[in-house]
C-alpha atoms as a PDB file:
ATOM      1  CA  MET A   1       0.923  -2.633  -3.870  1.00  0.00           C
ATOM      2  CA  GLU A   2      -2.279  -2.573  -5.883  1.00  0.00           C
ATOM      3  CA  ASN A   3      -4.196   0.689  -5.941  1.00  0.00           C
ATOM      4  CA  ASN A   4      -6.678  -0.852  -3.519  1.00  0.00           C
ATOM      5  CA  LYS A   5      -8.537   1.457  -1.133  1.00  0.00           C
ATOM      6  CA  LEU A   6      -8.553  -1.130   1.657  1.00  0.00           C
ATOM      7  CA  PHE A   7      -4.787  -1.571   1.465  1.00  0.00           C
ATOM      8  CA  ARG A   8      -4.279   2.186   1.585  1.00  0.00           C
ATOM      9  CA  LEU A   9      -6.595   2.590   4.580  1.00  0.00           C
ATOM     10  CA  LEU A  10      -4.915  -0.191   6.569  1.00  0.00           C
ATOM     11  CA  LYS A  11      -1.483   1.108   5.624  1.00  0.00           C
ATOM     12  CA  ALA A  12      -2.460   4.451   7.200  1.00  0.00           C
ATOM     13  CA  LEU A  13      -2.998   2.767  10.585  1.00  0.00           C
ATOM     14  CA  PRO A  14      -0.009   2.574  12.945  1.00  0.00           C
ATOM     15  CA  GLU A  15       0.495  -0.793  14.628  1.00  0.00           C
ATOM     16  CA  ASP A  16      -1.288   0.147  17.853  1.00  0.00           C
ATOM     17  CA  GLU A  17      -4.395   1.325  15.972  1.00  0.00           C
ATOM     18  CA  LEU A  18      -4.275  -1.749  13.737  1.00  0.00           C
ATOM     19  CA  LYS A  19      -4.473  -3.945  16.854  1.00  0.00           C
ATOM     20  CA  GLU A  20      -7.502  -1.985  18.029  1.00  0.00           C
ATOM     21  CA  PHE A  21      -9.080  -2.268  14.587  1.00  0.00           C
ATOM     22  CA  LYS A  22      -8.711  -6.057  14.801  1.00  0.00           C
ATOM     23  CA  LYS A  23     -10.881  -5.971  17.954  1.00  0.00           C
ATOM     24  CA  PHE A  24     -13.295  -3.665  16.140  1.00  0.00           C
ATOM     25  CA  VAL A  25     -13.661  -6.145  13.265  1.00  0.00           C
ATOM     26  CA  ALA A  26     -14.237  -9.016  15.708  1.00  0.00           C
ATOM     27  CA  SER A  27     -16.958  -7.150  17.583  1.00  0.00           C
ATOM     28  CA  PRO A  28     -20.466  -8.380  16.671  1.00  0.00           C
ATOM     29  CA  PHE A  29     -21.795  -4.933  17.596  1.00  0.00           C
ATOM     30  CA  PHE A  30     -19.849  -3.191  14.828  1.00  0.00           C
ATOM     31  CA  SER A  31     -19.852  -6.046  12.308  1.00  0.00           C
ATOM     32  CA  LYS A  32     -23.271  -5.562  10.760  1.00  0.00           C
ATOM     33  CA  GLY A  33     -22.999  -8.153   8.006  1.00  0.00           C
ATOM     34  CA  ARG A  34     -20.984 -11.322   7.714  1.00  0.00           C
ATOM     35  CA  ASP A  35     -18.020 -12.211   9.919  1.00  0.00           C
ATOM     36  CA  LEU A  36     -14.984 -10.442   8.411  1.00  0.00           C
ATOM     37  CA  THR A  37     -12.362 -11.731  10.837  1.00  0.00           C
ATOM     38  CA  LYS A  38     -11.105 -14.462   8.497  1.00  0.00           C
ATOM     39  CA  TYR A  39     -10.815 -12.089   5.541  1.00  0.00           C
ATOM     40  CA  PHE A  40      -9.110  -9.472   7.714  1.00  0.00           C
ATOM     41  CA  SER A  41      -6.562 -12.030   8.977  1.00  0.00           C
ATOM     42  CA  VAL A  42      -5.709 -12.939   5.354  1.00  0.00           C
ATOM     43  CA  VAL A  43      -5.293  -9.321   4.287  1.00  0.00           C
ATOM     44  CA  VAL A  44      -3.427  -8.048   7.351  1.00  0.00           C
ATOM     45  CA  LYS A  45      -0.619 -10.596   6.872  1.00  0.00           C
ATOM     46  CA  HIS A  46       0.656  -8.276   4.152  1.00  0.00           C
ATOM     47  CA  TYR A  47       0.751  -5.173   6.396  1.00  0.00           C
ATOM     48  CA  PRO A  48       2.349  -2.668   6.017  1.00  0.00           C
ATOM     49  CA  GLU A  49       3.719  -2.955   2.454  1.00  0.00           C
ATOM     50  CA  PHE A  50       0.749  -4.851   0.980  1.00  0.00           C
ATOM     51  CA  LYS A  51       2.843  -6.159  -1.886  1.00  0.00           C
ATOM     52  CA  VAL A  52       0.079  -8.502  -2.940  1.00  0.00           C
ATOM     53  CA  THR A  53      -2.599  -8.786  -5.608  1.00  0.00           C
ATOM     54  CA  MET A  54      -6.277  -9.423  -5.019  1.00  0.00           C
ATOM     55  CA  ASP A  55      -5.873 -12.720  -6.875  1.00  0.00           C
ATOM     56  CA  LYS A  56      -3.341 -13.856  -4.265  1.00  0.00           C
ATOM     57  CA  ILE A  57      -5.723 -12.742  -1.531  1.00  0.00           C
ATOM     58  CA  ARG A  58      -8.402 -14.895  -3.160  1.00  0.00           C
ATOM     59  CA  ASN A  59      -6.093 -17.924  -3.237  1.00  0.00           C
ATOM     60  CA  SER A  60      -5.232 -17.489   0.443  1.00  0.00           C
ATOM     61  CA  TYR A  61      -8.854 -17.052   1.456  1.00  0.00           C
ATOM     62  CA  PHE A  62     -10.391 -19.966  -0.469  1.00  0.00           C
ATOM     63  CA  LYS A  63      -7.441 -22.382  -0.610  1.00  0.00           C
ATOM     64  CA  SER A  64      -8.631 -23.544  -4.018  1.00  0.00           C
ATOM     65  CA  SER A  65      -9.051 -22.356  -7.598  1.00  0.00           C
ATOM     66  CA  LYS A  66     -12.594 -23.531  -8.298  1.00  0.00           C
ATOM     67  CA  GLU A  67     -15.191 -21.100  -9.655  1.00  0.00           C
ATOM     68  CA  ILE A  68     -12.687 -18.256  -9.789  1.00  0.00           C
ATOM     69  CA  ASP A  69     -15.217 -15.692 -11.026  1.00  0.00           C
ATOM     70  CA  LYS A  70     -17.579 -16.443  -8.151  1.00  0.00           C
ATOM     71  CA  GLN A  71     -14.719 -16.337  -5.678  1.00  0.00           C
ATOM     72  CA  MET A  72     -13.585 -12.935  -6.962  1.00  0.00           C
ATOM     73  CA  ARG A  73     -17.115 -11.558  -6.598  1.00  0.00           C
ATOM     74  CA  ILE A  74     -17.127 -12.697  -2.964  1.00  0.00           C
ATOM     75  CA  ILE A  75     -13.682 -11.176  -2.396  1.00  0.00           C
ATOM     76  CA  ARG A  76     -14.832  -7.840  -3.841  1.00  0.00           C
ATOM     77  CA  THR A  77     -17.847  -7.896  -1.518  1.00  0.00           C
ATOM     78  CA  LEU A  78     -15.701  -8.712   1.501  1.00  0.00           C
ATOM     79  CA  ASN A  79     -13.295  -5.994   0.476  1.00  0.00           C
ATOM     80  CA  SER A  80     -16.093  -3.399   0.281  1.00  0.00           C
ATOM     81  CA  GLU A  81     -17.517  -4.418   3.662  1.00  0.00           C
ATOM     82  CA  LEU A  82     -14.111  -4.228   5.330  1.00  0.00           C
ATOM     83  CA  ILE A  83     -13.516  -0.799   3.776  1.00  0.00           C
ATOM     84  CA  ARG A  84     -16.790   0.387   5.310  1.00  0.00           C
ATOM     85  CA  MET A  85     -15.762  -1.028   8.695  1.00  0.00           C
ATOM     86  CA  CYS A  86     -12.434   0.749   8.428  1.00  0.00           C
ATOM     87  CA  GLU A  87     -14.196   4.033   7.666  1.00  0.00           C
ATOM     88  CA  ASP A  88     -16.527   3.483  10.639  1.00  0.00           C
ATOM     89  CA  TYR A  89     -13.475   2.881  12.809  1.00  0.00           C
ATOM     90  CA  PHE A  90     -11.888   6.142  11.638  1.00  0.00           C
ATOM     91  CA  VAL A  91     -15.040   8.051  12.569  1.00  0.00           C
ATOM     92  CA  ILE A  92     -15.361   6.430  16.000  1.00  0.00           C
ATOM     93  CA  LEU A  93     -11.655   6.965  16.650  1.00  0.00           C
ATOM     94  CA  SER A  94     -12.034  10.659  15.810  1.00  0.00           C
ATOM     95  CA  VAL A  95     -15.010  11.032  18.138  1.00  0.00           C
ATOM     96  CA  PHE A  96     -13.140   9.489  21.057  1.00  0.00           C
ATOM     97  CA  LYS A  97     -10.048  11.596  20.388  1.00  0.00           C
ATOM     98  CA  SER A  98     -12.055  14.848  20.398  1.00  0.00           C
ATOM     99  CA  LYS A  99     -13.458  15.472  23.862  1.00  0.00           C
ATOM    100  CA  PHE A 100     -15.694  18.271  22.592  1.00  0.00           C
ATOM    101  CA  THR A 101     -17.211  16.048  19.890  1.00  0.00           C
ATOM    102  CA  TYR A 102     -17.731  13.185  22.346  1.00  0.00           C
ATOM    103  CA  HIS A 103     -19.514  15.309  24.970  1.00  0.00           C
ATOM    104  CA  ASN A 104     -21.399  17.288  22.330  1.00  0.00           C
ATOM    105  CA  TYR A 105     -22.892  14.052  20.983  1.00  0.00           C
ATOM    106  CA  LEU A 106     -23.811  13.076  24.543  1.00  0.00           C
ATOM    107  CA  VAL A 107     -25.676  16.361  25.035  1.00  0.00           C
ATOM    108  CA  LYS A 108     -27.488  15.954  21.718  1.00  0.00           C
ATOM    109  CA  THR A 109     -28.449  12.351  22.507  1.00  0.00           C
ATOM    110  CA  TYR A 110     -29.661  13.212  26.015  1.00  0.00           C
ATOM    111  CA  VAL A 111     -31.852  15.966  24.562  1.00  0.00           C
ATOM    112  CA  ILE A 112     -33.321  13.576  21.971  1.00  0.00           C
ATOM    113  CA  LYS A 113     -33.995  11.022  24.735  1.00  0.00           C
ATOM    114  CA  LYS A 114     -35.559  13.808  26.857  1.00  0.00           C
ATOM    115  CA  LEU A 115     -32.960  13.249  29.596  1.00  0.00           C
ATOM    116  CA  PHE A 116     -32.658  16.983  30.131  1.00  0.00           C
ATOM    117  CA  SER A 117     -30.941  16.940  33.531  1.00  0.00           C
ATOM    118  CA  PHE A 118     -28.168  14.746  32.091  1.00  0.00           C
ATOM    119  CA  ALA A 119     -27.876  17.079  29.094  1.00  0.00           C
ATOM    120  CA  GLU A 120     -27.482  20.121  31.343  1.00  0.00           C
ATOM    121  CA  LYS A 121     -24.710  18.443  33.364  1.00  0.00           C
ATOM    122  CA  GLU A 122     -22.827  17.546  30.170  1.00  0.00           C
ATOM    123  CA  TYR A 123     -23.323  21.078  28.873  1.00  0.00           C
ATOM    124  CA  ASP A 124     -21.857  22.533  32.068  1.00  0.00           C
ATOM    125  CA  THR A 125     -18.932  20.108  31.838  1.00  0.00           C
ATOM    126  CA  ILE A 126     -18.143  21.319  28.327  1.00  0.00           C
ATOM    127  CA  LEU A 127     -18.248  24.990  29.330  1.00  0.00           C
ATOM    128  CA  GLU A 128     -15.921  24.245  32.260  1.00  0.00           C
ATOM    129  CA  ASN A 129     -13.337  22.778  29.865  1.00  0.00           C
ATOM    130  CA  LYS A 130     -12.657  25.523  27.318  1.00  0.00           C
ATOM    131  CA  GLU A 131      -9.512  23.677  26.173  1.00  0.00           C
ATOM    132  CA  TRP A 132     -11.783  21.161  24.434  1.00  0.00           C
ATOM    133  CA  PHE A 133     -12.851  23.804  21.918  1.00  0.00           C
ATOM    134  CA  SER A 134     -11.054  24.504  18.653  1.00  0.00           C
ATOM    135  CA  GLY A 135      -8.781  27.505  18.444  1.00  0.00           C
ATOM    136  CA  GLY A 136      -9.565  30.914  16.983  1.00  0.00           C
ATOM    137  CA  PHE A 137     -13.023  31.900  15.867  1.00  0.00           C
ATOM    138  CA  PHE A 138     -13.907  28.260  15.096  1.00  0.00           C
ATOM    139  CA  LYS A 139     -14.734  27.800  18.776  1.00  0.00           C
ATOM    140  CA  TYR A 140     -17.797  30.001  18.216  1.00  0.00           C
ATOM    141  CA  SER A 141     -19.285  27.523  15.755  1.00  0.00           C
ATOM    142  CA  GLU A 142     -18.859  24.809  18.396  1.00  0.00           C
ATOM    143  CA  LEU A 143     -20.435  27.043  21.039  1.00  0.00           C
ATOM    144  CA  TYR A 144     -23.316  27.724  18.683  1.00  0.00           C
ATOM    145  CA  THR A 145     -23.826  23.984  18.194  1.00  0.00           C
ATOM    146  CA  ILE A 146     -23.814  23.118  21.873  1.00  0.00           C
ATOM    147  CA  ASN A 147     -26.039  26.089  22.779  1.00  0.00           C
ATOM    148  CA  THR A 148     -28.536  25.063  20.101  1.00  0.00           C
ATOM    149  CA  HIS A 149     -28.904  21.648  21.741  1.00  0.00           C
ATOM    150  CA  MET A 150     -29.509  23.255  25.115  1.00  0.00           C
ATOM    151  CA  GLU A 151     -31.898  25.840  23.706  1.00  0.00           C
ATOM    152  CA  ASN A 152     -33.960  22.960  22.296  1.00  0.00           C
ATOM    153  CA  ALA A 153     -33.776  21.197  25.659  1.00  0.00           C
ATOM    154  CA  LYS A 154     -35.042  24.250  27.548  1.00  0.00           C
ATOM    155  CA  PHE A 155     -37.838  24.808  25.064  1.00  0.00           C
ATOM    156  CA  THR A 156     -38.926  21.147  25.088  1.00  0.00           C
ATOM    157  CA  SER A 157     -38.886  21.003  28.887  1.00  0.00           C
ATOM    158  CA  ASN A 158     -41.087  24.153  29.042  1.00  0.00           C
ATOM    159  CA  LYS A 159     -38.423  26.433  30.570  1.00  0.00           C
ATOM    160  CA  GLU A 160     -39.349  29.432  28.412  1.00  0.00           C
ATOM    161  CA  ARG A 161     -37.623  31.988  30.648  1.00  0.00           C
ATOM    162  CA  GLU A 162     -34.303  30.203  30.265  1.00  0.00           C
ATOM    163  CA  VAL A 163     -34.804  29.870  26.496  1.00  0.00           C
ATOM    164  CA  TRP A 164     -34.622  33.661  26.128  1.00  0.00           C
ATOM    165  CA  ASN A 165     -31.212  33.734  27.822  1.00  0.00           C
ATOM    166  CA  PHE A 166     -29.945  31.082  25.430  1.00  0.00           C
ATOM    167  CA  THR A 167     -31.314  33.042  22.483  1.00  0.00           C
ATOM    168  CA  LYS A 168     -29.366  36.138  23.535  1.00  0.00           C
ATOM    169  CA  THR A 169     -26.238  34.045  24.038  1.00  0.00           C
ATOM    170  CA  GLN A 170     -26.702  32.447  20.630  1.00  0.00           C
ATOM    171  CA  THR A 171     -26.940  35.877  18.999  1.00  0.00           C
ATOM    172  CA  ASN A 172     -23.620  36.963  20.489  1.00  0.00           C
ATOM    173  CA  VAL A 173     -21.944  33.682  19.608  1.00  0.00           C
ATOM    174  CA  LEU A 174     -23.215  33.798  16.026  1.00  0.00           C
ATOM    175  CA  LEU A 175     -22.090  37.403  15.551  1.00  0.00           C
ATOM    176  CA  SER A 176     -18.649  36.554  16.934  1.00  0.00           C
ATOM    177  CA  PHE A 177     -18.354  33.633  14.539  1.00  0.00           C
ATOM    178  CA  LEU A 178     -19.483  35.617  11.495  1.00  0.00           C
ATOM    179  CA  LEU A 179     -17.256  38.588  12.299  1.00  0.00           C
ATOM    180  CA  GLY A 180     -14.321  36.270  12.953  1.00  0.00           C
ATOM    181  CA  SER A 181     -14.954  34.439   9.681  1.00  0.00           C
ATOM    182  CA  ALA A 182     -15.225  37.668   7.694  1.00  0.00           C
ATOM    183  CA  SER A 183     -12.058  39.056   9.298  1.00  0.00           C
ATOM    184  CA  TYR A 184     -10.176  35.854   8.525  1.00  0.00           C
ATOM    185  CA  LEU A 185     -11.309  35.815   4.902  1.00  0.00           C
ATOM    186  CA  LEU A 186     -10.555  39.500   4.375  1.00  0.00           C
ATOM    187  CA  ASN A 187      -7.072  38.945   5.784  1.00  0.00           C
ATOM    188  CA  ASN A 188      -6.793  35.977   3.452  1.00  0.00           C
ATOM    189  CA  LEU A 189      -7.287  38.319   0.490  1.00  0.00           C
ATOM    190  CA  ASN A 190      -4.466  40.523   1.735  1.00  0.00           C
ATOM    191  CA  THR A 191      -2.092  37.720   2.667  1.00  0.00           C
ATOM    192  CA  TYR A 192      -2.459  35.918  -0.661  1.00  0.00           C
ATOM    193  CA  SER A 193      -2.747  39.019  -2.834  1.00  0.00           C
ATOM    194  CA  LEU A 194       0.387  38.092  -4.773  1.00  0.00           C
ATOM    195  CA  HIS A 195      -0.777  34.510  -5.160  1.00  0.00           C
ATOM    196  CA  TYR A 196      -4.108  35.770  -6.520  1.00  0.00           C
ATOM    197  CA  ASN A 197      -2.289  38.107  -8.951  1.00  0.00           C
ATOM    198  CA  PHE A 198      -3.937  41.281  -7.696  1.00  0.00           C
ATOM    199  CA  LYS A 199      -2.964  44.293  -9.779  1.00  0.00           C
ATOM    200  CA  ASP A 200      -2.578  46.526  -6.715  1.00  0.00           C
ATOM    201  CA  LYS A 201      -2.371  44.559  -3.481  1.00  0.00           C
ATOM    202  CA  ASN A 202      -2.595  47.714  -1.348  1.00  0.00           C
ATOM    203  CA  ASN A 203      -6.015  48.765  -2.635  1.00  0.00           C
ATOM    204  CA  ASN A 204      -7.931  45.503  -3.105  1.00  0.00           C
ATOM    205  CA  LEU A 205     -10.059  45.853   0.065  1.00  0.00           C
ATOM    206  CA  ALA A 206     -10.850  49.468  -0.759  1.00  0.00           C
ATOM    207  CA  ALA A 207     -11.978  48.369  -4.205  1.00  0.00           C
ATOM    208  CA  LEU A 208     -14.181  45.695  -2.658  1.00  0.00           C
ATOM    209  CA  PHE A 209     -16.008  48.081  -0.346  1.00  0.00           C
ATOM    210  CA  LYS A 210     -16.286  50.714  -3.056  1.00  0.00           C
ATOM    211  CA  ASN A 211     -17.896  48.370  -5.541  1.00  0.00           C
ATOM    212  CA  LEU A 212     -19.756  45.871  -3.384  1.00  0.00           C
ATOM    213  CA  ASP A 213     -20.104  43.962  -6.617  1.00  0.00           C
ATOM    214  CA  VAL A 214     -18.067  40.798  -6.826  1.00  0.00           C
ATOM    215  CA  GLU A 215     -17.651  40.805 -10.594  1.00  0.00           C
ATOM    216  CA  LYS A 216     -16.703  44.494 -10.697  1.00  0.00           C
ATOM    217  CA  PHE A 217     -14.248  43.957  -7.883  1.00  0.00           C
ATOM    218  CA  ILE A 218     -12.572  41.029  -9.639  1.00  0.00           C
ATOM    219  CA  ALA A 219     -12.432  42.948 -12.910  1.00  0.00           C
ATOM    220  CA  GLU A 220     -10.788  45.951 -11.200  1.00  0.00           C
ATOM    221  CA  VAL A 221      -8.160  44.247  -9.064  1.00  0.00           C
ATOM    222  CA  SER A 222      -7.295  40.984 -10.781  1.00  0.00           C
ATOM    223  CA  ASP A 223      -6.298  39.693 -14.189  1.00  0.00           C
ATOM    224  CA  GLU A 224      -8.462  36.837 -15.440  1.00  0.00           C
ATOM    225  CA  GLY A 225      -6.617  33.661 -14.509  1.00  0.00           C
ATOM    226  CA  GLU A 226      -6.682  30.384 -12.662  1.00  0.00           C
ATOM    227  CA  HIS A 227      -7.332  32.049  -9.285  1.00  0.00           C
ATOM    228  CA  THR A 228     -10.437  33.979 -10.318  1.00  0.00           C
ATOM    229  CA  GLU A 229     -12.794  31.277  -9.029  1.00  0.00           C
ATOM    230  CA  GLN A 230     -10.941  31.131  -5.696  1.00  0.00           C
ATOM    231  CA  ILE A 231     -11.322  34.895  -5.283  1.00  0.00           C
ATOM    232  CA  ARG A 232     -15.000  34.748  -6.229  1.00  0.00           C
ATOM    233  CA  LEU A 233     -15.698  31.947  -3.704  1.00  0.00           C
ATOM    234  CA  THR A 234     -13.933  33.825  -0.906  1.00  0.00           C
ATOM    235  CA  LEU A 235     -15.970  36.941  -1.591  1.00  0.00           C
ATOM    236  CA  TYR A 236     -19.270  35.088  -1.703  1.00  0.00           C
ATOM    237  CA  ILE A 237     -18.515  33.530   1.686  1.00  0.00           C
ATOM    238  CA  ILE A 238     -17.740  36.987   3.108  1.00  0.00           C
END
């Protein structure tokens, strides 16, 4: 198989998703340029191994060997457009698979369209289905996102009294997310202390709080090495 991005993307699709992608390619709504169905049918014949060269793809597509350079330029263009369609399909597939993402986009769109009553119903639906949220402290970032949409909706629809309640909720959500993130990253320093080559894994957090200076902390607890930048990034995020 050639090191072709399109081949690798299609190879990553199981058969059921490949069938759905065929419908996606045929849809005039998603196909924003030329019709790619013929090119797709030529390429997909080699699924899943794709033991084929782009020159053979060209021969199958054009059925002739005239103006080879021009034909190859067209093939490269078709290839790029189909890659973009495949990437669009991945994104749309992800949105439909994530119920939180799907309903979050609905809330955001309803707010933009000033359909505030619809946005509020979608917002309530999301809060009633906590299983849609990510696990751990990441759920707080999703709560912050969805509350921001609704805060904007309340403000735009002149419901100032309700905006204040959302602001207080947002503060608690944001604090929970930041504290959860900091706790996770601090634990990360402990868990991977050997990996980071800390000199004394039992005292690295104490050294951090004592110094409150990233460079001093790194100099005290770690030998200069390949993990120094990882440690520095973690500390800056904290």
